PDB file of all heavy atoms in Angstrom:
ATOM      1  N   GLY A   1     -23.614  22.334 -78.147  1.00  0.00           N
ATOM      2  CA  GLY A   1     -22.476  23.164 -77.736  1.00  0.00           C
ATOM      3  C   GLY A   1     -22.724  23.872 -76.420  1.00  0.00           C
ATOM      4  O   GLY A   1     -21.817  23.989 -75.583  1.00  0.00           O
ATOM      5  N   LYS A   2     -23.954  24.344 -76.209  1.00  0.00           N
ATOM      6  CA  LYS A   2     -24.273  25.034 -74.957  1.00  0.00           C
ATOM      7  C   LYS A   2     -24.204  24.088 -73.763  1.00  0.00           C
ATOM      8  O   LYS A   2     -23.684  24.457 -72.706  1.00  0.00           O
ATOM      9  CB  LYS A   2     -25.665  25.668 -75.035  1.00  0.00           C
ATOM     10  CG  LYS A   2     -25.733  26.852 -75.971  1.00  0.00           C
ATOM     11  CD  LYS A   2     -27.127  27.427 -75.935  1.00  0.00           C
ATOM     12  CE  LYS A   2     -27.629  27.693 -77.309  1.00  0.00           C
ATOM     13  NZ  LYS A   2     -29.012  28.160 -77.348  1.00  0.00           N
ATOM     14  N   ILE A   3     -24.713  22.871 -73.930  1.00  0.00           N
ATOM     15  CA  ILE A   3     -24.698  21.903 -72.828  1.00  0.00           C
ATOM     16  C   ILE A   3     -23.258  21.529 -72.483  1.00  0.00           C
ATOM     17  O   ILE A   3     -22.877  21.487 -71.318  1.00  0.00           O
ATOM     18  CB  ILE A   3     -25.519  20.639 -73.184  1.00  0.00           C
ATOM     19  CG1 ILE A   3     -26.992  20.978 -73.394  1.00  0.00           C
ATOM     20  CG2 ILE A   3     -25.340  19.556 -72.126  1.00  0.00           C
ATOM     21  CD1 ILE A   3     -27.719  21.463 -72.172  1.00  0.00           C
ATOM     22  N   VAL A   4     -22.449  21.263 -73.497  1.00  0.00           N
ATOM     23  CA  VAL A   4     -21.050  20.907 -73.250  1.00  0.00           C
ATOM     24  C   VAL A   4     -20.337  22.069 -72.564  1.00  0.00           C
ATOM     25  O   VAL A   4     -19.609  21.871 -71.582  1.00  0.00           O
ATOM     26  CB  VAL A   4     -20.341  20.508 -74.566  1.00  0.00           C
ATOM     27  CG1 VAL A   4     -18.849  20.317 -74.343  1.00  0.00           C
ATOM     28  CG2 VAL A   4     -20.953  19.243 -75.142  1.00  0.00           C
ATOM     29  N   SER A   5     -20.563  23.277 -73.025  1.00  0.00           N
ATOM     30  CA  SER A   5     -19.929  24.446 -72.405  1.00  0.00           C
ATOM     31  C   SER A   5     -20.392  24.647 -70.969  1.00  0.00           C
ATOM     32  O   SER A   5     -19.606  25.023 -70.099  1.00  0.00           O
ATOM     33  CB  SER A   5     -20.210  25.706 -73.229  1.00  0.00           C
ATOM     34  OG  SER A   5     -19.572  25.596 -74.488  1.00  0.00           O
ATOM     35  N   MET A   6     -21.671  24.385 -70.695  1.00  0.00           N
ATOM     36  CA  MET A   6     -22.156  24.514 -69.315  1.00  0.00           C
ATOM     37  C   MET A   6     -21.501  23.475 -68.403  1.00  0.00           C
ATOM     38  O   MET A   6     -21.282  23.741 -67.222  1.00  0.00           O
ATOM     39  CB  MET A   6     -23.676  24.382 -69.259  1.00  0.00           C
ATOM     40  CG  MET A   6     -24.408  25.629 -69.730  1.00  0.00           C
ATOM     41  SD  MET A   6     -23.986  27.117 -68.793  1.00  0.00           S
ATOM     42  CE  MET A   6     -24.697  26.722 -67.209  1.00  0.00           C
ATOM     43  N   GLU A   7     -21.173  22.314 -68.939  1.00  0.00           N
ATOM     44  CA  GLU A   7     -20.460  21.324 -68.127  1.00  0.00           C
ATOM     45  C   GLU A   7     -19.059  21.814 -67.793  1.00  0.00           C
ATOM     46  O   GLU A   7     -18.545  21.556 -66.706  1.00  0.00           O
ATOM     47  CB  GLU A   7     -20.428  19.959 -68.830  1.00  0.00           C
ATOM     48  CG  GLU A   7     -21.788  19.288 -68.835  1.00  0.00           C
ATOM     49  CD  GLU A   7     -21.772  17.864 -69.359  1.00  0.00           C
ATOM     50  OE1 GLU A   7     -20.696  17.366 -69.773  1.00  0.00           O
ATOM     51  OE2 GLU A   7     -22.846  17.232 -69.346  1.00  0.00           O
ATOM     52  N   VAL A   8     -18.446  22.554 -68.701  1.00  0.00           N
ATOM     53  CA  VAL A   8     -17.140  23.170 -68.417  1.00  0.00           C
ATOM     54  C   VAL A   8     -17.313  24.253 -67.363  1.00  0.00           C
ATOM     55  O   VAL A   8     -16.533  24.339 -66.406  1.00  0.00           O
ATOM     56  CB  VAL A   8     -16.497  23.734 -69.700  1.00  0.00           C
ATOM     57  CG1 VAL A   8     -15.224  24.498 -69.379  1.00  0.00           C
ATOM     58  CG2 VAL A   8     -16.220  22.620 -70.690  1.00  0.00           C
ATOM     59  N   VAL A   9     -18.329  25.082 -67.522  1.00  0.00           N
ATOM     60  CA  VAL A   9     -18.609  26.166 -66.563  1.00  0.00           C
ATOM     61  C   VAL A   9     -18.766  25.599 -65.155  1.00  0.00           C
ATOM     62  O   VAL A   9     -18.275  26.169 -64.185  1.00  0.00           O
ATOM     63  CB  VAL A   9     -19.883  26.945 -66.991  1.00  0.00           C
ATOM     64  CG1 VAL A   9     -20.416  27.805 -65.868  1.00  0.00           C
ATOM     65  CG2 VAL A   9     -19.595  27.784 -68.234  1.00  0.00           C
ATOM     66  N   ARG A  10     -19.419  24.462 -65.034  1.00  0.00           N
ATOM     67  CA  ARG A  10     -19.680  23.854 -63.726  1.00  0.00           C
ATOM     68  C   ARG A  10     -18.502  23.026 -63.218  1.00  0.00           C
ATOM     69  O   ARG A  10     -18.548  22.467 -62.134  1.00  0.00           O
ATOM     70  CB  ARG A  10     -20.932  22.984 -63.804  1.00  0.00           C
ATOM     71  CG  ARG A  10     -22.193  23.791 -64.060  1.00  0.00           C
ATOM     72  CD  ARG A  10     -23.347  22.940 -64.535  1.00  0.00           C
ATOM     73  NE  ARG A  10     -23.562  21.756 -63.749  1.00  0.00           N
ATOM     74  CZ  ARG A  10     -24.553  21.599 -62.870  1.00  0.00           C
ATOM     75  NH1 ARG A  10     -25.410  22.561 -62.697  1.00  0.00           N
ATOM     76  NH2 ARG A  10     -24.679  20.479 -62.200  1.00  0.00           N
ATOM     77  N   GLY A  11     -17.440  22.917 -64.028  1.00  0.00           N
ATOM     78  CA  GLY A  11     -16.264  22.156 -63.611  1.00  0.00           C
ATOM     79  C   GLY A  11     -16.388  20.665 -63.830  1.00  0.00           C
ATOM     80  O   GLY A  11     -15.612  19.888 -63.290  1.00  0.00           O
ATOM     81  N   GLU A  12     -17.361  20.260 -64.639  1.00  0.00           N
ATOM     82  CA  GLU A  12     -17.592  18.834 -64.887  1.00  0.00           C
ATOM     83  C   GLU A  12     -16.734  18.299 -66.030  1.00  0.00           C
ATOM     84  O   GLU A  12     -16.560  17.090 -66.178  1.00  0.00           O
ATOM     85  CB  GLU A  12     -19.070  18.586 -65.177  1.00  0.00           C
ATOM     86  CG  GLU A  12     -19.960  18.948 -63.999  1.00  0.00           C
ATOM     87  CD  GLU A  12     -21.438  18.966 -64.323  1.00  0.00           C
ATOM     88  OE1 GLU A  12     -21.804  18.791 -65.502  1.00  0.00           O
ATOM     89  OE2 GLU A  12     -22.230  19.166 -63.400  1.00  0.00           O
ATOM     90  N   LEU A  13     -16.205  19.200 -66.836  1.00  0.00           N
ATOM     91  CA  LEU A  13     -15.316  18.847 -67.942  1.00  0.00           C
ATOM     92  C   LEU A  13     -14.162  19.839 -67.972  1.00  0.00           C
ATOM     93  O   LEU A  13     -14.317  20.996 -67.578  1.00  0.00           O
ATOM     94  CB  LEU A  13     -16.033  18.938 -69.295  1.00  0.00           C
ATOM     95  CG  LEU A  13     -17.178  17.989 -69.604  1.00  0.00           C
ATOM     96  CD1 LEU A  13     -17.831  18.384 -70.924  1.00  0.00           C
ATOM     97  CD2 LEU A  13     -16.691  16.562 -69.660  1.00  0.00           C
ATOM     98  N   THR A  14     -13.029  19.395 -68.485  1.00  0.00           N
ATOM     99  CA  THR A  14     -11.921  20.315 -68.729  1.00  0.00           C
ATOM    100  C   THR A  14     -12.120  20.945 -70.108  1.00  0.00           C
ATOM    101  O   THR A  14     -12.919  20.451 -70.916  1.00  0.00           O
ATOM    102  CB  THR A  14     -10.569  19.585 -68.695  1.00  0.00           C
ATOM    103  OG1 THR A  14     -10.532  18.664 -69.786  1.00  0.00           O
ATOM    104  CG2 THR A  14     -10.354  18.870 -67.370  1.00  0.00           C
ATOM    105  N   ALA A  15     -11.372  21.985 -70.392  1.00  0.00           N
ATOM    106  CA  ALA A  15     -11.460  22.633 -71.704  1.00  0.00           C
ATOM    107  C   ALA A  15     -11.036  21.658 -72.808  1.00  0.00           C
ATOM    108  O   ALA A  15     -11.606  21.671 -73.910  1.00  0.00           O
ATOM    109  CB  ALA A  15     -10.599  23.884 -71.725  1.00  0.00           C
ATOM    110  N   GLU A  16     -10.051  20.812 -72.520  1.00  0.00           N
ATOM    111  CA  GLU A  16      -9.591  19.834 -73.507  1.00  0.00           C
ATOM    112  C   GLU A  16     -10.686  18.807 -73.794  1.00  0.00           C
ATOM    113  O   GLU A  16     -10.912  18.442 -74.955  1.00  0.00           O
ATOM    114  CB  GLU A  16      -8.326  19.116 -73.008  1.00  0.00           C
ATOM    115  CG  GLU A  16      -7.118  20.026 -72.873  1.00  0.00           C
ATOM    116  CD  GLU A  16      -7.120  20.853 -71.581  1.00  0.00           C
ATOM    117  OE1 GLU A  16      -7.805  20.473 -70.595  1.00  0.00           O
ATOM    118  OE2 GLU A  16      -6.462  21.897 -71.579  1.00  0.00           O
ATOM    119  N   GLU A  17     -11.354  18.343 -72.740  1.00  0.00           N
ATOM    120  CA  GLU A  17     -12.455  17.400 -72.936  1.00  0.00           C
ATOM    121  C   GLU A  17     -13.579  18.041 -73.739  1.00  0.00           C
ATOM    122  O   GLU A  17     -14.194  17.386 -74.584  1.00  0.00           O
ATOM    123  CB  GLU A  17     -12.994  16.926 -71.583  1.00  0.00           C
ATOM    124  CG  GLU A  17     -12.048  16.029 -70.816  1.00  0.00           C
ATOM    125  CD  GLU A  17     -12.512  15.755 -69.391  1.00  0.00           C
ATOM    126  OE1 GLU A  17     -13.112  16.651 -68.760  1.00  0.00           O
ATOM    127  OE2 GLU A  17     -12.261  14.642 -68.913  1.00  0.00           O
ATOM    128  N   GLU A  18     -13.828  19.321 -73.482  1.00  0.00           N
ATOM    129  CA  GLU A  18     -14.862  20.039 -74.225  1.00  0.00           C
ATOM    130  C   GLU A  18     -14.566  20.010 -75.719  1.00  0.00           C
ATOM    131  O   GLU A  18     -15.441  19.684 -76.529  1.00  0.00           O
ATOM    132  CB  GLU A  18     -14.953  21.481 -73.730  1.00  0.00           C
ATOM    133  CG  GLU A  18     -15.918  22.339 -74.531  1.00  0.00           C
ATOM    134  CD  GLU A  18     -15.875  23.808 -74.150  1.00  0.00           C
ATOM    135  OE1 GLU A  18     -14.809  24.295 -73.723  1.00  0.00           O
ATOM    136  OE2 GLU A  18     -16.913  24.465 -74.292  1.00  0.00           O
ATOM    137  N   LEU A  19     -13.348  20.341 -76.087  1.00  0.00           N
ATOM    138  CA  LEU A  19     -12.984  20.351 -77.508  1.00  0.00           C
ATOM    139  C   LEU A  19     -13.118  18.968 -78.130  1.00  0.00           C
ATOM    140  O   LEU A  19     -13.634  18.825 -79.240  1.00  0.00           O
ATOM    141  CB  LEU A  19     -11.557  20.871 -77.689  1.00  0.00           C
ATOM    142  CG  LEU A  19     -11.350  22.357 -77.388  1.00  0.00           C
ATOM    143  CD1 LEU A  19      -9.876  22.720 -77.494  1.00  0.00           C
ATOM    144  CD2 LEU A  19     -12.184  23.214 -78.328  1.00  0.00           C
ATOM    145  N   ASP A  20     -12.663  17.952 -77.401  1.00  0.00           N
ATOM    146  CA  ASP A  20     -12.767  16.584 -77.925  1.00  0.00           C
ATOM    147  C   ASP A  20     -14.225  16.176 -78.124  1.00  0.00           C
ATOM    148  O   ASP A  20     -14.566  15.540 -79.116  1.00  0.00           O
ATOM    149  CB  ASP A  20     -12.067  15.597 -76.987  1.00  0.00           C
ATOM    150  CG  ASP A  20     -10.544  15.733 -77.018  1.00  0.00           C
ATOM    151  OD1 ASP A  20     -10.020  16.357 -77.964  1.00  0.00           O
ATOM    152  OD2 ASP A  20      -9.895  15.220 -76.093  1.00  0.00           O
ATOM    153  N   ILE A  21     -15.079  16.538 -77.180  1.00  0.00           N
ATOM    154  CA  ILE A  21     -16.509  16.197 -77.304  1.00  0.00           C
ATOM    155  C   ILE A  21     -17.139  16.969 -78.459  1.00  0.00           C
ATOM    156  O   ILE A  21     -17.914  16.408 -79.240  1.00  0.00           O
ATOM    157  CB  ILE A  21     -17.247  16.461 -75.980  1.00  0.00           C
ATOM    158  CG1 ILE A  21     -16.774  15.464 -74.913  1.00  0.00           C
ATOM    159  CG2 ILE A  21     -18.760  16.362 -76.173  1.00  0.00           C
ATOM    160  CD1 ILE A  21     -17.254  15.780 -73.514  1.00  0.00           C
ATOM    161  N   LEU A  22     -16.819  18.253 -78.573  1.00  0.00           N
ATOM    162  CA  LEU A  22     -17.374  19.056 -79.669  1.00  0.00           C
ATOM    163  C   LEU A  22     -16.917  18.543 -81.036  1.00  0.00           C
ATOM    164  O   LEU A  22     -17.634  18.665 -82.021  1.00  0.00           O
ATOM    165  CB  LEU A  22     -17.018  20.528 -79.494  1.00  0.00           C
ATOM    166  CG  LEU A  22     -17.689  21.232 -78.317  1.00  0.00           C
ATOM    167  CD1 LEU A  22     -17.150  22.642 -78.153  1.00  0.00           C
ATOM    168  CD2 LEU A  22     -19.202  21.247 -78.476  1.00  0.00           C
ATOM    169  N   GLU A  23     -15.717  17.975 -81.067  1.00  0.00           N
ATOM    170  CA  GLU A  23     -15.216  17.377 -82.311  1.00  0.00           C
ATOM    171  C   GLU A  23     -15.696  15.943 -82.474  1.00  0.00           C
ATOM    172  O   GLU A  23     -15.303  15.259 -83.416  1.00  0.00           O
ATOM    173  CB  GLU A  23     -13.688  17.428 -82.326  1.00  0.00           C
ATOM    174  CG  GLU A  23     -13.144  18.836 -82.419  1.00  0.00           C
ATOM    175  CD  GLU A  23     -11.630  18.904 -82.256  1.00  0.00           C
ATOM    176  OE1 GLU A  23     -10.982  17.857 -82.002  1.00  0.00           O
ATOM    177  OE2 GLU A  23     -11.091  20.010 -82.369  1.00  0.00           O
ATOM    178  N   GLU A  24     -16.536  15.485 -81.544  1.00  0.00           N
ATOM    179  CA  GLU A  24     -17.144  14.159 -81.551  1.00  0.00           C
ATOM    180  C   GLU A  24     -16.106  13.039 -81.606  1.00  0.00           C
ATOM    181  O   GLU A  24     -16.281  12.024 -82.290  1.00  0.00           O
ATOM    182  CB  GLU A  24     -18.164  14.037 -82.682  1.00  0.00           C
ATOM    183  CG  GLU A  24     -19.305  15.025 -82.539  1.00  0.00           C
ATOM    184  CD  GLU A  24     -20.380  14.894 -83.600  1.00  0.00           C
ATOM    185  OE1 GLU A  24     -20.350  13.911 -84.379  1.00  0.00           O
ATOM    186  OE2 GLU A  24     -21.254  15.771 -83.644  1.00  0.00           O
ATOM    187  N   LYS A  25     -15.017  13.217 -80.844  1.00  0.00           N
ATOM    188  CA  LYS A  25     -13.986  12.192 -80.766  1.00  0.00           C
ATOM    189  C   LYS A  25     -14.397  11.030 -79.869  1.00  0.00           C
ATOM    190  O   LYS A  25     -13.826   9.948 -79.965  1.00  0.00           O
ATOM    191  CB  LYS A  25     -12.675  12.800 -80.260  1.00  0.00           C
ATOM    192  CG  LYS A  25     -12.002  13.727 -81.244  1.00  0.00           C
ATOM    193  CD  LYS A  25     -10.685  14.230 -80.726  1.00  0.00           C
ATOM    194  CE  LYS A  25     -10.012  15.140 -81.736  1.00  0.00           C
ATOM    195  NZ  LYS A  25      -8.741  15.683 -81.219  1.00  0.00           N
ATOM    196  N   TYR A  26     -15.354  11.282 -78.986  1.00  0.00           N
ATOM    197  CA  TYR A  26     -15.827  10.255 -78.062  1.00  0.00           C
ATOM    198  C   TYR A  26     -17.309   9.999 -78.311  1.00  0.00           C
ATOM    199  O   TYR A  26     -18.163  10.713 -77.807  1.00  0.00           O
ATOM    200  CB  TYR A  26     -15.623  10.690 -76.604  1.00  0.00           C
ATOM    201  CG  TYR A  26     -14.192  11.032 -76.264  1.00  0.00           C
ATOM    202  CD1 TYR A  26     -13.847  12.321 -75.886  1.00  0.00           C
ATOM    203  CD2 TYR A  26     -13.200  10.070 -76.324  1.00  0.00           C
ATOM    204  CE1 TYR A  26     -12.535  12.644 -75.572  1.00  0.00           C
ATOM    205  CE2 TYR A  26     -11.890  10.377 -76.007  1.00  0.00           C
ATOM    206  CZ  TYR A  26     -11.562  11.664 -75.632  1.00  0.00           C
ATOM    207  OH  TYR A  26     -10.267  11.979 -75.324  1.00  0.00           O
TER     208      TYR A  26
END
């Protein structure tokens, strides 16, 4: 969760992509 959130912080993911990744949709 921290790594995914840091990618959002750095602009590498959108908030929607973050949720999808955290829900393991991809």
